[in-house]
Amino acid sequence: MIAETPQPPYYAVIFTSIRTSVDDGYGDMATEMVKLAAEQKGFLGVESARNETGITVSYWKTPEDIKNWKAVARHQLAQKTGREKWYESYKVRICLVERDYGF
């Protein structure tokens, strides 16, 4: 599903990851994080795709909203567990969306 975002500018957090073979609750936590993110101030939407490499892009109104999401306790636990169990490697990129278009 493609997120319905407002007219730019807004921000994108791009989370690219390579998973380990450990599942151990990953799917449940991922679902919980999407629901929890949607409750946060400034959240605009999310898109995700996975094959050998996973990419999740979340959209936010401001950099402050992104910073606040990173500080949510349950999200911090998910991040910690990801580093310890679920991800072989990952990269986070934060971008200003200046233009978008589609049909």
PDB file of N, CA and C in Angstrom:
ATOM      1  N   MET A   1       0.831  -1.167   0.000  1.00  0.00           N
ATOM      2  CA  MET A   1       0.000   0.000   0.000  1.00  0.00           C
ATOM      3  C   MET A   1       0.891   1.251   0.000  1.00  0.00           C
ATOM      4  N   ILE A   2       0.506   2.233  -0.771  1.00  0.00           N
ATOM      5  CA  ILE A   2       1.257   3.480  -0.850  1.00  0.00           C
ATOM      6  C   ILE A   2       0.654   4.473   0.139  1.00  0.00           C
ATOM      7  N   ALA A   3       1.506   5.036   0.981  1.00  0.00           N
ATOM      8  CA  ALA A   3       1.049   5.993   1.990  1.00  0.00           C
ATOM      9  C   ALA A   3       0.500   7.246   1.320  1.00  0.00           C
ATOM     10  N   GLU A   4      -0.587   7.756   1.865  1.00  0.00           N
ATOM     11  CA  GLU A   4      -1.167   9.016   1.380  1.00  0.00           C
ATOM     12  C   GLU A   4      -0.560  10.154   2.188  1.00  0.00           C
ATOM     13  N   THR A   5       0.396  10.821   1.598  1.00  0.00           N
ATOM     14  CA  THR A   5       1.110  11.899   2.287  1.00  0.00           C
ATOM     15  C   THR A   5       0.582  13.256   1.815  1.00  0.00           C
ATOM     16  N   PRO A   6       0.778  14.283   2.635  1.00  0.00           N
ATOM     17  CA  PRO A   6       0.334  15.632   2.242  1.00  0.00           C
ATOM     18  C   PRO A   6       1.287  16.226   1.208  1.00  0.00           C
ATOM     19  N   GLN A   7       0.970  17.413   0.763  1.00  0.00           N
ATOM     20  CA  GLN A   7       1.889  18.127  -0.119  1.00  0.00           C
ATOM     21  C   GLN A   7       3.196  18.373   0.630  1.00  0.00           C
ATOM     22  N   PRO A   8       4.340  18.207  -0.040  1.00  0.00           N
ATOM     23  CA  PRO A   8       5.621  18.501   0.595  1.00  0.00           C
ATOM     24  C   PRO A   8       5.702  19.968   0.986  1.00  0.00           C
ATOM     25  N   PRO A   9       6.598  20.279   1.911  1.00  0.00           N
ATOM     26  CA  PRO A   9       7.637  19.398   2.452  1.00  0.00           C
ATOM     27  C   PRO A   9       7.150  18.586   3.650  1.00  0.00           C
ATOM     28  N   TYR A  10       7.759  17.415   3.791  1.00  0.00           N
ATOM     29  CA  TYR A  10       7.631  16.550   4.950  1.00  0.00           C
ATOM     30  C   TYR A  10       8.888  15.686   4.983  1.00  0.00           C
ATOM     31  N   TYR A  11       8.990  14.811   5.933  1.00  0.00           N
ATOM     32  CA  TYR A  11      10.224  14.041   6.120  1.00  0.00           C
ATOM     33  C   TYR A  11       9.978  12.547   5.956  1.00  0.00           C
ATOM     34  N   ALA A  12      11.002  11.850   5.467  1.00  0.00           N
ATOM     35  CA  ALA A  12      10.966  10.403   5.324  1.00  0.00           C
ATOM     36  C   ALA A  12      12.105   9.801   6.136  1.00  0.00           C
ATOM     37  N   VAL A  13      11.792   8.749   6.875  1.00  0.00           N
ATOM     38  CA  VAL A  13      12.802   7.949   7.562  1.00  0.00           C
ATOM     39  C   VAL A  13      12.870   6.625   6.808  1.00  0.00           C
ATOM     40  N   ILE A  14      14.009   6.359   6.201  1.00  0.00           N
ATOM     41  CA  ILE A  14      14.201   5.141   5.414  1.00  0.00           C
ATOM     42  C   ILE A  14      15.025   4.172   6.246  1.00  0.00           C
ATOM     43  N   PHE A  15      14.421   3.038   6.563  1.00  0.00           N
ATOM     44  CA  PHE A  15      15.079   2.007   7.366  1.00  0.00           C
ATOM     45  C   PHE A  15      15.312   0.806   6.454  1.00  0.00           C
ATOM     46  N   THR A  16      16.575   0.555   6.120  1.00  0.00           N
ATOM     47  CA  THR A  16      16.957  -0.564   5.265  1.00  0.00           C
ATOM     48  C   THR A  16      17.664  -1.597   6.131  1.00  0.00           C
ATOM     49  N   SER A  17      17.272  -2.873   5.992  1.00  0.00           N
ATOM     50  CA  SER A  17      17.832  -3.887   6.889  1.00  0.00           C
ATOM     51  C   SER A  17      18.060  -5.214   6.187  1.00  0.00           C
ATOM     52  N   ILE A  18      18.998  -5.943   6.746  1.00  0.00           N
ATOM     53  CA  ILE A  18      19.224  -7.340   6.387  1.00  0.00           C
ATOM     54  C   ILE A  18      18.966  -8.137   7.655  1.00  0.00           C
ATOM     55  N   ARG A  19      18.042  -9.094   7.576  1.00  0.00           N
ATOM     56  CA  ARG A  19      17.626  -9.870   8.734  1.00  0.00           C
ATOM     57  C   ARG A  19      18.579 -11.019   9.021  1.00  0.00           C
ATOM     58  N   THR A  20      18.593 -11.430  10.288  1.00  0.00           N
ATOM     59  CA  THR A  20      19.226 -12.691  10.677  1.00  0.00           C
ATOM     60  C   THR A  20      18.200 -13.795  10.425  1.00  0.00           C
ATOM     61  N   SER A  21      18.536 -15.021  10.744  1.00  0.00           N
ATOM     62  CA  SER A  21      17.584 -16.128  10.605  1.00  0.00           C
ATOM     63  C   SER A  21      16.661 -16.251  11.814  1.00  0.00           C
ATOM     64  N   VAL A  22      16.872 -15.424  12.836  1.00  0.00           N
ATOM     65  CA  VAL A  22      16.065 -15.477  14.065  1.00  0.00           C
ATOM     66  C   VAL A  22      14.747 -14.745  13.833  1.00  0.00           C
ATOM     67  N   ASP A  23      13.627 -15.423  14.133  1.00  0.00           N
ATOM     68  CA  ASP A  23      12.326 -14.766  14.045  1.00  0.00           C
ATOM     69  C   ASP A  23      11.911 -14.283  15.421  1.00  0.00           C
ATOM     70  N   ASP A  24      11.679 -15.195  16.338  1.00  0.00           N
ATOM     71  CA  ASP A  24      11.459 -14.921  17.765  1.00  0.00           C
ATOM     72  C   ASP A  24      10.661 -13.642  18.039  1.00  0.00           C
ATOM     73  N   GLY A  25       9.452 -13.552  17.459  1.00  0.00           N
ATOM     74  CA  GLY A  25       8.577 -12.430  17.740  1.00  0.00           C
ATOM     75  C   GLY A  25       8.732 -11.240  16.827  1.00  0.00           C
ATOM     76  N   TYR A  26       9.542 -11.340  15.794  1.00  0.00           N
ATOM     77  CA  TYR A  26       9.792 -10.208  14.901  1.00  0.00           C
ATOM     78  C   TYR A  26       8.504  -9.678  14.265  1.00  0.00           C
ATOM     79  N   GLY A  27       7.717 -10.571  13.689  1.00  0.00           N
ATOM     80  CA  GLY A  27       6.488 -10.159  13.005  1.00  0.00           C
ATOM     81  C   GLY A  27       5.525  -9.435  13.926  1.00  0.00           C
ATOM     82  N   ASP A  28       5.367  -9.958  15.131  1.00  0.00           N
ATOM     83  CA  ASP A  28       4.473  -9.313  16.098  1.00  0.00           C
ATOM     84  C   ASP A  28       4.987  -7.929  16.475  1.00  0.00           C
ATOM     85  N   MET A  29       6.287  -7.805  16.673  1.00  0.00           N
ATOM     86  CA  MET A  29       6.851  -6.511  17.040  1.00  0.00           C
ATOM     87  C   MET A  29       6.732  -5.527  15.881  1.00  0.00           C
ATOM     88  N   ALA A  30       6.964  -5.978  14.678  1.00  0.00           N
ATOM     89  CA  ALA A  30       6.848  -5.096  13.513  1.00  0.00           C
ATOM     90  C   ALA A  30       5.424  -4.557  13.392  1.00  0.00           C
ATOM     91  N   THR A  31       4.444  -5.423  13.569  1.00  0.00           N
ATOM     92  CA  THR A  31       3.041  -5.004  13.526  1.00  0.00           C
ATOM     93  C   THR A  31       2.743  -4.002  14.630  1.00  0.00           C
ATOM     94  N   GLU A  32       3.233  -4.279  15.827  1.00  0.00           N
ATOM     95  CA  GLU A  32       3.028  -3.372  16.958  1.00  0.00           C
ATOM     96  C   GLU A  32       3.660  -2.006  16.698  1.00  0.00           C
ATOM     97  N   MET A  33       4.856  -1.990  16.099  1.00  0.00           N
ATOM     98  CA  MET A  33       5.539  -0.721  15.851  1.00  0.00           C
ATOM     99  C   MET A  33       4.776   0.143  14.844  1.00  0.00           C
ATOM    100  N   VAL A  34       4.194  -0.477  13.825  1.00  0.00           N
ATOM    101  CA  VAL A  34       3.409   0.288  12.857  1.00  0.00           C
ATOM    102  C   VAL A  34       2.198   0.908  13.544  1.00  0.00           C
ATOM    103  N   LYS A  35       1.523   0.124  14.375  1.00  0.00           N
ATOM    104  CA  LYS A  35       0.357   0.648  15.105  1.00  0.00           C
ATOM    105  C   LYS A  35       0.769   1.762  16.066  1.00  0.00           C
ATOM    106  N   LEU A  36       1.861   1.567  16.779  1.00  0.00           N
ATOM    107  CA  LEU A  36       2.329   2.563  17.738  1.00  0.00           C
ATOM    108  C   LEU A  36       2.788   3.843  17.031  1.00  0.00           C
ATOM    109  N   ALA A  37       3.499   3.696  15.921  1.00  0.00           N
ATOM    110  CA  ALA A  37       3.943   4.872  15.165  1.00  0.00           C
ATOM    111  C   ALA A  37       2.743   5.699  14.707  1.00  0.00           C
ATOM    112  N   ALA A  38       1.690   5.014  14.270  1.00  0.00           N
ATOM    113  CA  ALA A  38       0.496   5.706  13.776  1.00  0.00           C
ATOM    114  C   ALA A  38      -0.176   6.545  14.857  1.00  0.00           C
ATOM    115  N   GLU A  39       0.094   6.254  16.121  1.00  0.00           N
ATOM    116  CA  GLU A  39      -0.480   7.011  17.241  1.00  0.00           C
ATOM    117  C   GLU A  39       0.355   8.243  17.608  1.00  0.00           C
ATOM    118  N   GLN A  40       1.534   8.378  16.995  1.00  0.00           N
ATOM    119  CA  GLN A  40       2.453   9.445  17.380  1.00  0.00           C
ATOM    120  C   GLN A  40       2.130  10.747  16.653  1.00  0.00           C
ATOM    121  N   LYS A  41       2.367  11.849  17.336  1.00  0.00           N
ATOM    122  CA  LYS A  41       2.197  13.170  16.742  1.00  0.00           C
ATOM    123  C   LYS A  41       3.101  13.277  15.513  1.00  0.00           C
ATOM    124  N   GLY A  42       2.550  13.770  14.430  1.00  0.00           N
ATOM    125  CA  GLY A  42       3.338  14.024  13.235  1.00  0.00           C
ATOM    126  C   GLY A  42       3.485  12.858  12.282  1.00  0.00           C
ATOM    127  N   PHE A  43       2.965  11.680  12.645  1.00  0.00           N
ATOM    128  CA  PHE A  43       3.062  10.515  11.758  1.00  0.00           C
ATOM    129  C   PHE A  43       2.158  10.719  10.551  1.00  0.00           C
ATOM    130  N   LEU A  44       2.692  10.446   9.356  1.00  0.00           N
ATOM    131  CA  LEU A  44       1.924  10.636   8.126  1.00  0.00           C
ATOM    132  C   LEU A  44       1.628   9.344   7.388  1.00  0.00           C
ATOM    133  N   GLY A  45       2.423   8.306   7.609  1.00  0.00           N
ATOM    134  CA  GLY A  45       2.202   7.038   6.910  1.00  0.00           C
ATOM    135  C   GLY A  45       3.449   6.193   6.883  1.00  0.00           C
ATOM    136  N   VAL A  46       3.301   4.979   6.336  1.00  0.00           N
ATOM    137  CA  VAL A  46       4.422   4.041   6.274  1.00  0.00           C
ATOM    138  C   VAL A  46       4.254   3.141   5.051  1.00  0.00           C
ATOM    139  N   GLU A  47       5.381   2.738   4.490  1.00  0.00           N
ATOM    140  CA  GLU A  47       5.428   1.769   3.388  1.00  0.00           C
ATOM    141  C   GLU A  47       6.554   0.789   3.695  1.00  0.00           C
ATOM    142  N   SER A  48       6.363  -0.473   3.300  1.00  0.00           N
ATOM    143  CA  SER A  48       7.374  -1.471   3.621  1.00  0.00           C
ATOM    144  C   SER A  48       7.420  -2.552   2.547  1.00  0.00           C
ATOM    145  N   ALA A  49       8.623  -3.042   2.284  1.00  0.00           N
ATOM    146  CA  ALA A  49       8.827  -4.143   1.348  1.00  0.00           C
ATOM    147  C   ALA A  49       9.988  -4.986   1.859  1.00  0.00           C
ATOM    148  N   ARG A  50       9.926  -6.298   1.619  1.00  0.00           N
ATOM    149  CA  ARG A  50      10.996  -7.173   2.078  1.00  0.00           C
ATOM    150  C   ARG A  50      11.221  -8.299   1.087  1.00  0.00           C
ATOM    151  N   ASN A  51      12.480  -8.518   0.775  1.00  0.00           N
ATOM    152  CA  ASN A  51      12.969  -9.744   0.153  1.00  0.00           C
ATOM    153  C   ASN A  51      14.268 -10.036   0.881  1.00  0.00           C
ATOM    154  N   GLU A  52      15.396 -10.142   0.216  1.00  0.00           N
ATOM    155  CA  GLU A  52      16.657 -10.339   0.948  1.00  0.00           C
ATOM    156  C   GLU A  52      16.980  -9.108   1.802  1.00  0.00           C
ATOM    157  N   THR A  53      16.592  -7.942   1.290  1.00  0.00           N
ATOM    158  CA  THR A  53      16.781  -6.688   1.999  1.00  0.00           C
ATOM    159  C   THR A  53      15.399  -6.106   2.291  1.00  0.00           C
ATOM    160  N   GLY A  54      15.197  -5.621   3.499  1.00  0.00           N
ATOM    161  CA  GLY A  54      13.933  -4.987   3.848  1.00  0.00           C
ATOM    162  C   GLY A  54      14.069  -3.488   3.822  1.00  0.00           C
ATOM    163  N   ILE A  55      13.032  -2.825   3.347  1.00  0.00           N
ATOM    164  CA  ILE A  55      13.014  -1.369   3.349  1.00  0.00           C
ATOM    165  C   ILE A  55      11.673  -0.920   3.904  1.00  0.00           C
ATOM    166  N   THR A  56      11.724  -0.110   4.949  1.00  0.00           N
ATOM    167  CA  THR A  56      10.531   0.501   5.509  1.00  0.00           C
ATOM    168  C   THR A  56      10.751   2.001   5.502  1.00  0.00           C
ATOM    169  N   VAL A  57       9.782   2.714   4.960  1.00  0.00           N
ATOM    170  CA  VAL A  57       9.847   4.168   4.919  1.00  0.00           C
ATOM    171  C   VAL A  57       8.667   4.706   5.716  1.00  0.00           C
ATOM    172  N   SER A  58       8.969   5.497   6.736  1.00  0.00           N
ATOM    173  CA  SER A  58       7.898   6.171   7.470  1.00  0.00           C
ATOM    174  C   SER A  58       7.990   7.658   7.178  1.00  0.00           C
ATOM    175  N   TYR A  59       6.836   8.313   7.184  1.00  0.00           N
ATOM    176  CA  TYR A  59       6.747   9.721   6.826  1.00  0.00           C
ATOM    177  C   TYR A  59       6.271  10.527   8.025  1.00  0.00           C
ATOM    178  N   TRP A  60       6.887  11.707   8.204  1.00  0.00           N
ATOM    179  CA  TRP A  60       6.656  12.530   9.388  1.00  0.00           C
ATOM    180  C   TRP A  60       6.582  14.004   9.005  1.00  0.00           C
ATOM    181  N   LYS A  61       5.858  14.772   9.799  1.00  0.00           N
ATOM    182  CA  LYS A  61       5.713  16.209   9.549  1.00  0.00           C
ATOM    183  C   LYS A  61       7.006  16.968   9.809  1.00  0.00           C
ATOM    184  N   THR A  62       7.694  16.665  10.927  1.00  0.00           N
ATOM    185  CA  THR A  62       8.863  17.463  11.321  1.00  0.00           C
ATOM    186  C   THR A  62       9.995  16.570  11.832  1.00  0.00           C
ATOM    187  N   PRO A  63      11.219  17.091  11.845  1.00  0.00           N
ATOM    188  CA  PRO A  63      12.330  16.357  12.456  1.00  0.00           C
ATOM    189  C   PRO A  63      12.084  16.102  13.950  1.00  0.00           C
ATOM    190  N   GLU A  64      11.430  17.024  14.626  1.00  0.00           N
ATOM    191  CA  GLU A  64      11.115  16.838  16.055  1.00  0.00           C
ATOM    192  C   GLU A  64      10.199  15.628  16.262  1.00  0.00           C
ATOM    193  N   ASP A  65       9.228  15.436  15.357  1.00  0.00           N
ATOM    194  CA  ASP A  65       8.342  14.271  15.444  1.00  0.00           C
ATOM    195  C   ASP A  65       9.140  12.974  15.313  1.00  0.00           C
ATOM    196  N   ILE A  66      10.125  12.971  14.424  1.00  0.00           N
ATOM    197  CA  ILE A  66      10.987  11.799  14.237  1.00  0.00           C
ATOM    198  C   ILE A  66      11.797  11.539  15.506  1.00  0.00           C
ATOM    199  N   LYS A  67      12.357  12.587  16.055  1.00  0.00           N
ATOM    200  CA  LYS A  67      13.146  12.470  17.294  1.00  0.00           C
ATOM    201  C   LYS A  67      12.289  11.919  18.429  1.00  0.00           C
ATOM    202  N   ASN A  68      11.059  12.411  18.553  1.00  0.00           N
ATOM    203  CA  ASN A  68      10.162  11.931  19.608  1.00  0.00           C
ATOM    204  C   ASN A  68       9.799  10.461  19.411  1.00  0.00           C
ATOM    205  N   TRP A  69       9.578  10.040  18.164  1.00  0.00           N
ATOM    206  CA  TRP A  69       9.279   8.631  17.883  1.00  0.00           C
ATOM    207  C   TRP A  69      10.460   7.742  18.280  1.00  0.00           C
ATOM    208  N   LYS A  70      11.661   8.166  17.967  1.00  0.00           N
ATOM    209  CA  LYS A  70      12.850   7.384  18.323  1.00  0.00           C
ATOM    210  C   LYS A  70      12.967   7.202  19.832  1.00  0.00           C
ATOM    211  N   ALA A  71      12.436   8.158  20.607  1.00  0.00           N
ATOM    212  CA  ALA A  71      12.556   8.128  22.071  1.00  0.00           C
ATOM    213  C   ALA A  71      11.441   7.356  22.775  1.00  0.00           C
ATOM    214  N   VAL A  72      10.416   6.898  22.051  1.00  0.00           N
ATOM    215  CA  VAL A  72       9.325   6.136  22.682  1.00  0.00           C
ATOM    216  C   VAL A  72       9.897   4.837  23.260  1.00  0.00           C
ATOM    217  N   ALA A  73       9.610   4.562  24.517  1.00  0.00           N
ATOM    218  CA  ALA A  73      10.220   3.432  25.233  1.00  0.00           C
ATOM    219  C   ALA A  73      10.026   2.095  24.511  1.00  0.00           C
ATOM    220  N   ARG A  74       8.824   1.815  24.063  1.00  0.00           N
ATOM    221  CA  ARG A  74       8.569   0.528  23.391  1.00  0.00           C
ATOM    222  C   ARG A  74       9.337   0.455  22.068  1.00  0.00           C
ATOM    223  N   HIS A  75       9.472   1.573  21.382  1.00  0.00           N
ATOM    224  CA  HIS A  75      10.256   1.621  20.153  1.00  0.00           C
ATOM    225  C   HIS A  75      11.735   1.401  20.457  1.00  0.00           C
ATOM    226  N   GLN A  76      12.208   1.962  21.560  1.00  0.00           N
ATOM    227  CA  GLN A  76      13.602   1.735  21.958  1.00  0.00           C
ATOM    228  C   GLN A  76      13.860   0.258  22.245  1.00  0.00           C
ATOM    229  N   LEU A  77      12.887  -0.418  22.870  1.00  0.00           N
ATOM    230  CA  LEU A  77      13.027  -1.855  23.110  1.00  0.00           C
ATOM    231  C   LEU A  77      13.093  -2.620  21.785  1.00  0.00           C
ATOM    232  N   ALA A  78      12.257  -2.244  20.833  1.00  0.00           N
ATOM    233  CA  ALA A  78      12.290  -2.890  19.514  1.00  0.00           C
ATOM    234  C   ALA A  78      13.642  -2.668  18.843  1.00  0.00           C
ATOM    235  N   GLN A  79      14.183  -1.454  18.954  1.00  0.00           N
ATOM    236  CA  GLN A  79      15.491  -1.158  18.366  1.00  0.00           C
ATOM    237  C   GLN A  79      16.575  -2.027  19.004  1.00  0.00           C
ATOM    238  N   LYS A  80      16.552  -2.110  20.310  1.00  0.00           N
ATOM    239  CA  LYS A  80      17.553  -2.908  21.042  1.00  0.00           C
ATOM    240  C   LYS A  80      17.461  -4.379  20.647  1.00  0.00           C
ATOM    241  N   THR A  81      16.252  -4.910  20.619  1.00  0.00           N
ATOM    242  CA  THR A  81      16.054  -6.310  20.255  1.00  0.00           C
ATOM    243  C   THR A  81      16.481  -6.549  18.816  1.00  0.00           C
ATOM    244  N   GLY A  82      16.199  -5.582  17.945  1.00  0.00           N
ATOM    245  CA  GLY A  82      16.636  -5.695  16.552  1.00  0.00           C
ATOM    246  C   GLY A  82      18.144  -5.815  16.435  1.00  0.00           C
ATOM    247  N   ARG A  83      18.864  -4.971  17.162  1.00  0.00           N
ATOM    248  CA  ARG A  83      20.338  -5.032  17.122  1.00  0.00           C
ATOM    249  C   ARG A  83      20.852  -6.362  17.686  1.00  0.00           C
ATOM    250  N   GLU A  84      20.183  -6.869  18.731  1.00  0.00           N
ATOM    251  CA  GLU A  84      20.649  -8.091  19.393  1.00  0.00           C
ATOM    252  C   GLU A  84      20.245  -9.375  18.667  1.00  0.00           C
ATOM    253  N   LYS A  85      19.074  -9.391  18.002  1.00  0.00           N
ATOM    254  CA  LYS A  85      18.535 -10.640  17.460  1.00  0.00           C
ATOM    255  C   LYS A  85      18.192 -10.624  15.975  1.00  0.00           C
ATOM    256  N   TRP A  86      17.476  -9.593  15.539  1.00  0.00           N
ATOM    257  CA  TRP A  86      16.776  -9.669  14.261  1.00  0.00           C
ATOM    258  C   TRP A  86      17.542  -9.168  13.065  1.00  0.00           C
ATOM    259  N   TYR A  87      18.523  -8.279  13.262  1.00  0.00           N
ATOM    260  CA  TYR A  87      19.192  -7.675  12.119  1.00  0.00           C
ATOM    261  C   TYR A  87      20.669  -8.025  12.075  1.00  0.00           C
ATOM    262  N   GLU A  88      21.071  -8.452  10.898  1.00  0.00           N
ATOM    263  CA  GLU A  88      22.492  -8.643  10.628  1.00  0.00           C
ATOM    264  C   GLU A  88      23.132  -7.265  10.460  1.00  0.00           C
ATOM    265  N   SER A  89      22.417  -6.388   9.765  1.00  0.00           N
ATOM    266  CA  SER A  89      22.851  -5.003   9.616  1.00  0.00           C
ATOM    267  C   SER A  89      21.648  -4.142   9.240  1.00  0.00           C
ATOM    268  N   TYR A  90      21.777  -2.837   9.475  1.00  0.00           N
ATOM    269  CA  TYR A  90      20.736  -1.906   9.060  1.00  0.00           C
ATOM    270  C   TYR A  90      21.321  -0.513   8.880  1.00  0.00           C
ATOM    271  N   LYS A  91      20.558   0.319   8.199  1.00  0.00           N
ATOM    272  CA  LYS A  91      20.939   1.714   8.002  1.00  0.00           C
ATOM    273  C   LYS A  91      19.664   2.544   8.061  1.00  0.00           C
ATOM    274  N   VAL A  92      19.760   3.705   8.721  1.00  0.00           N
ATOM    275  CA  VAL A  92      18.643   4.644   8.807  1.00  0.00           C
ATOM    276  C   VAL A  92      19.057   5.918   8.087  1.00  0.00           C
ATOM    277  N   ARG A  93      18.172   6.403   7.223  1.00  0.00           N
ATOM    278  CA  ARG A  93      18.400   7.660   6.511  1.00  0.00           C
ATOM    279  C   ARG A  93      17.186   8.556   6.750  1.00  0.00           C
ATOM    280  N   ILE A  94      17.424   9.814   7.036  1.00  0.00           N
ATOM    281  CA  ILE A  94      16.348  10.767   7.260  1.00  0.00           C
ATOM    282  C   ILE A  94      16.454  11.830   6.170  1.00  0.00           C
ATOM    283  N   CYS A  95      15.355  12.016   5.456  1.00  0.00           N
ATOM    284  CA  CYS A  95      15.364  12.866   4.269  1.00  0.00           C
ATOM    285  C   CYS A  95      14.217  13.868   4.292  1.00  0.00           C
ATOM    286  N   LEU A  96      14.459  15.018   3.738  1.00  0.00           N
ATOM    287  CA  LEU A  96      13.414  15.995   3.490  1.00  0.00           C
ATOM    288  C   LEU A  96      12.810  15.697   2.123  1.00  0.00           C
ATOM    289  N   VAL A  97      11.508  15.498   2.079  1.00  0.00           N
ATOM    290  CA  VAL A  97      10.812  15.301   0.807  1.00  0.00           C
ATOM    291  C   VAL A  97      10.396  16.683   0.320  1.00  0.00           C
ATOM    292  N   GLU A  98      10.966  17.078  -0.797  1.00  0.00           N
ATOM    293  CA  GLU A  98      10.680  18.399  -1.350  1.00  0.00           C
ATOM    294  C   GLU A  98       9.652  18.353  -2.464  1.00  0.00           C
ATOM    295  N   ARG A  99       9.505  17.168  -3.080  1.00  0.00           N
ATOM    296  CA  ARG A  99       8.593  17.030  -4.207  1.00  0.00           C
ATOM    297  C   ARG A  99       8.137  15.584  -4.256  1.00  0.00           C
ATOM    298  N   ASP A 100       6.872  15.359  -4.592  1.00  0.00           N
ATOM    299  CA  ASP A 100       6.394  14.007  -4.865  1.00  0.00           C
ATOM    300  C   ASP A 100       5.333  14.082  -5.952  1.00  0.00           C
ATOM    301  N   TYR A 101       5.144  12.980  -6.633  1.00  0.00           N
ATOM    302  CA  TYR A 101       4.104  12.909  -7.674  1.00  0.00           C
ATOM    303  C   TYR A 101       3.781  11.449  -7.915  1.00  0.00           C
ATOM    304  N   GLY A 102       2.691  11.171  -8.557  1.00  0.00           N
ATOM    305  CA  GLY A 102       2.282   9.809  -8.861  1.00  0.00           C
ATOM    306  C   GLY A 102       0.926   9.812  -9.546  1.00  0.00           C
ATOM    307  N   PHE A 103       0.362   8.619  -9.705  1.00  0.00           N
ATOM    308  CA  PHE A 103      -0.985   8.516 -10.269  1.00  0.00           C
ATOM    309  C   PHE A 103      -1.714   7.376  -9.621  1.00  0.00           C
TER     310      PHE A 103
END
